[in-house]
Amino acid sequence: MTIVKRIGRSLTLGLVFIGELVRSSIAVARQVLGDSSQLKPAILAVPLDLRSRAGVTTLANCVSLTPGTTSLHVSEDLGTLYVHVLDAPQPEAVVDSIKNTFETRIKEIEG
């Protein structure tokens, strides 16, 4: 993969991250200011398809920097990322969101 493609894909990841940052910030503010008794926190196992430690680290950082989620642990084989989520009424949807927003773009950068 050329350096130009990698830079372009990195910029795309940055834009996706900014979008998720804004969306998540609004959602967390609503949850904090609203009725927090309805929250369903969870620890989720996100299966990973990334090939490099750098890719897994990037994903874990994106998750931790997004309000409402925190990366807790990566399995020894780099196959699973454990994430704490402030509100996960549909855990599968949260896992799919992480994979479809961040992991997909990081895989594109990995080449």
C-alpha atoms as a PDB file:
ATOM      1  CA  MET A   1       0.000   0.000   0.000  1.00  0.00           C
ATOM      2  CA  THR A   2       1.331   3.421  -0.871  1.00  0.00           C
ATOM      3  CA  ILE A   3       2.028   6.036   1.766  1.00  0.00           C
ATOM      4  CA  VAL A   4      -0.580   8.335   0.176  1.00  0.00           C
ATOM      5  CA  LYS A   5      -3.313   5.692   0.597  1.00  0.00           C
ATOM      6  CA  ARG A   6      -2.247   5.034   4.164  1.00  0.00           C
ATOM      7  CA  ILE A   7      -2.354   8.760   4.987  1.00  0.00           C
ATOM      8  CA  GLY A   8      -5.779   9.080   3.360  1.00  0.00           C
ATOM      9  CA  ARG A   9      -7.117   6.125   5.335  1.00  0.00           C
ATOM     10  CA  SER A  10      -5.608   7.523   8.535  1.00  0.00           C
ATOM     11  CA  LEU A  11      -7.396  10.820   7.904  1.00  0.00           C
ATOM     12  CA  THR A  12     -10.635   8.912   7.360  1.00  0.00           C
ATOM     13  CA  LEU A  13     -10.125   7.155  10.704  1.00  0.00           C
ATOM     14  CA  GLY A  14      -9.516  10.542  12.326  1.00  0.00           C
ATOM     15  CA  LEU A  15     -12.754  11.940  10.904  1.00  0.00           C
ATOM     16  CA  VAL A  16     -14.703   8.862  11.992  1.00  0.00           C
ATOM     17  CA  PHE A  17     -13.195   9.201  15.467  1.00  0.00           C
ATOM     18  CA  ILE A  18     -14.194  12.876  15.698  1.00  0.00           C
ATOM     19  CA  GLY A  19     -17.735  11.980  14.631  1.00  0.00           C
ATOM     20  CA  GLU A  20     -17.940   9.239  17.268  1.00  0.00           C
ATOM     21  CA  LEU A  21     -16.438  11.576  19.864  1.00  0.00           C
ATOM     22  CA  VAL A  22     -19.164  14.176  19.266  1.00  0.00           C
ATOM     23  CA  ARG A  23     -21.971  11.611  19.107  1.00  0.00           C
ATOM     24  CA  SER A  24     -20.804   9.809  22.247  1.00  0.00           C
ATOM     25  CA  SER A  25     -20.248  13.045  24.174  1.00  0.00           C
ATOM     26  CA  ILE A  26     -23.843  14.075  23.527  1.00  0.00           C
ATOM     27  CA  ALA A  27     -25.156  10.627  24.475  1.00  0.00           C
ATOM     28  CA  VAL A  28     -23.157  10.524  27.733  1.00  0.00           C
ATOM     29  CA  ALA A  29     -24.245  14.066  28.655  1.00  0.00           C
ATOM     30  CA  ARG A  30     -27.878  13.067  28.163  1.00  0.00           C
ATOM     31  CA  GLN A  31     -27.386   9.950  30.259  1.00  0.00           C
ATOM     32  CA  VAL A  32     -25.677  11.828  33.084  1.00  0.00           C
ATOM     33  CA  LEU A  33     -28.220  14.654  33.130  1.00  0.00           C
ATOM     34  CA  GLY A  34     -31.192  12.340  32.678  1.00  0.00           C
ATOM     35  CA  ASP A  35     -32.458   9.296  34.519  1.00  0.00           C
ATOM     36  CA  SER A  36     -29.308   7.263  35.101  1.00  0.00           C
ATOM     37  CA  SER A  37     -31.291   4.451  36.730  1.00  0.00           C
ATOM     38  CA  GLN A  38     -32.067   3.168  33.232  1.00  0.00           C
ATOM     39  CA  LEU A  39     -28.381   2.667  32.333  1.00  0.00           C
ATOM     40  CA  LYS A  40     -27.219  -0.867  31.604  1.00  0.00           C
ATOM     41  CA  PRO A  41     -23.439  -0.917  32.033  1.00  0.00           C
ATOM     42  CA  ALA A  42     -21.614  -3.948  30.737  1.00  0.00           C
ATOM     43  CA  ILE A  43     -18.222  -5.472  30.108  1.00  0.00           C
ATOM     44  CA  LEU A  44     -18.118  -6.763  26.558  1.00  0.00           C
ATOM     45  CA  ALA A  45     -15.712  -9.019  24.700  1.00  0.00           C
ATOM     46  CA  VAL A  46     -14.973  -7.634  21.247  1.00  0.00           C
ATOM     47  CA  PRO A  47     -13.444 -10.267  18.924  1.00  0.00           C
ATOM     48  CA  LEU A  48     -10.603  -8.733  16.935  1.00  0.00           C
ATOM     49  CA  ASP A  49      -9.587  -9.237  13.333  1.00  0.00           C
ATOM     50  CA  LEU A  50      -6.578  -6.919  13.505  1.00  0.00           C
ATOM     51  CA  ARG A  51      -3.147  -8.297  12.666  1.00  0.00           C
ATOM     52  CA  SER A  52      -0.718  -6.054  14.502  1.00  0.00           C
ATOM     53  CA  ARG A  53      -0.067  -4.845  18.011  1.00  0.00           C
ATOM     54  CA  ALA A  54      -0.144  -1.293  16.656  1.00  0.00           C
ATOM     55  CA  GLY A  55      -3.611  -1.891  15.211  1.00  0.00           C
ATOM     56  CA  VAL A  56      -4.923  -3.359  18.463  1.00  0.00           C
ATOM     57  CA  THR A  57      -3.370  -0.494  20.435  1.00  0.00           C
ATOM     58  CA  THR A  58      -4.940   2.056  18.111  1.00  0.00           C
ATOM     59  CA  LEU A  59      -8.354   0.423  18.496  1.00  0.00           C
ATOM     60  CA  ALA A  60      -8.035   0.263  22.284  1.00  0.00           C
ATOM     61  CA  ASN A  61      -7.084   3.936  22.385  1.00  0.00           C
ATOM     62  CA  CYS A  62      -9.970   4.961  20.120  1.00  0.00           C
ATOM     63  CA  VAL A  63     -12.384   3.074  22.372  1.00  0.00           C
ATOM     64  CA  SER A  64     -10.938   4.581  25.568  1.00  0.00           C
ATOM     65  CA  LEU A  65     -10.975   8.108  24.179  1.00  0.00           C
ATOM     66  CA  THR A  66     -14.629   7.814  23.194  1.00  0.00           C
ATOM     67  CA  PRO A  67     -16.910   8.912  26.066  1.00  0.00           C
ATOM     68  CA  GLY A  68     -18.904   6.092  27.629  1.00  0.00           C
ATOM     69  CA  THR A  69     -16.413   3.333  26.804  1.00  0.00           C
ATOM     70  CA  THR A  70     -13.128   2.189  28.304  1.00  0.00           C
ATOM     71  CA  SER A  71     -10.744  -0.499  27.117  1.00  0.00           C
ATOM     72  CA  LEU A  72      -9.975  -2.840  29.987  1.00  0.00           C
ATOM     73  CA  HIS A  73      -7.790  -5.629  28.647  1.00  0.00           C
ATOM     74  CA  VAL A  74      -6.506  -7.285  25.491  1.00  0.00           C
ATOM     75  CA  SER A  75      -6.167 -11.061  25.477  1.00  0.00           C
ATOM     76  CA  GLU A  76      -2.675 -12.521  25.198  1.00  0.00           C
ATOM     77  CA  ASP A  77      -3.330 -13.740  21.644  1.00  0.00           C
ATOM     78  CA  LEU A  78      -4.582 -10.248  20.632  1.00  0.00           C
ATOM     79  CA  GLY A  79      -7.871 -11.858  19.624  1.00  0.00           C
ATOM     80  CA  THR A  80     -10.215 -10.149  22.086  1.00  0.00           C
ATOM     81  CA  LEU A  81     -10.567  -6.627  23.467  1.00  0.00           C
ATOM     82  CA  TYR A  82     -12.537  -6.301  26.698  1.00  0.00           C
ATOM     83  CA  VAL A  83     -14.463  -3.049  26.931  1.00  0.00           C
ATOM     84  CA  HIS A  84     -16.505  -1.442  29.703  1.00  0.00           C
ATOM     85  CA  VAL A  85     -19.557   0.345  28.318  1.00  0.00           C
ATOM     86  CA  LEU A  86     -21.607   2.868  30.292  1.00  0.00           C
ATOM     87  CA  ASP A  87     -24.855   1.851  28.609  1.00  0.00           C
ATOM     88  CA  ALA A  88     -25.294  -1.316  26.579  1.00  0.00           C
ATOM     89  CA  PRO A  89     -28.993  -2.203  26.292  1.00  0.00           C
ATOM     90  CA  GLN A  90     -28.045  -4.205  23.171  1.00  0.00           C
ATOM     91  CA  PRO A  91     -24.497  -5.542  23.720  1.00  0.00           C
ATOM     92  CA  GLU A  92     -24.214  -7.040  20.220  1.00  0.00           C
ATOM     93  CA  ALA A  93     -24.964  -3.625  18.699  1.00  0.00           C
ATOM     94  CA  VAL A  94     -22.146  -2.056  20.718  1.00  0.00           C
ATOM     95  CA  VAL A  95     -19.671  -4.731  19.582  1.00  0.00           C
ATOM     96  CA  ASP A  96     -20.809  -4.307  15.971  1.00  0.00           C
ATOM     97  CA  SER A  97     -20.422  -0.543  16.260  1.00  0.00           C
ATOM     98  CA  ILE A  98     -16.834  -0.814  17.507  1.00  0.00           C
ATOM     99  CA  LYS A  99     -15.966  -3.272  14.751  1.00  0.00           C
ATOM    100  CA  ASN A 100     -17.715  -1.307  11.992  1.00  0.00           C
ATOM    101  CA  THR A 101     -16.532   2.170  12.936  1.00  0.00           C
ATOM    102  CA  PHE A 102     -12.991   1.791  14.233  1.00  0.00           C
ATOM    103  CA  GLU A 103     -11.716  -1.715  13.522  1.00  0.00           C
ATOM    104  CA  THR A 104     -12.708  -1.680   9.856  1.00  0.00           C
ATOM    105  CA  ARG A 105     -10.766   1.520   9.227  1.00  0.00           C
ATOM    106  CA  ILE A 106      -7.751   0.386  11.211  1.00  0.00           C
ATOM    107  CA  LYS A 107      -7.673  -2.844   9.164  1.00  0.00           C
ATOM    108  CA  GLU A 108      -7.638  -0.726   5.996  1.00  0.00           C
ATOM    109  CA  ILE A 109      -4.614   1.181   7.317  1.00  0.00           C
ATOM    110  CA  GLU A 110      -2.839  -2.070   8.193  1.00  0.00           C
ATOM    111  CA  GLY A 111      -3.188  -3.032   4.548  1.00  0.00           C
END
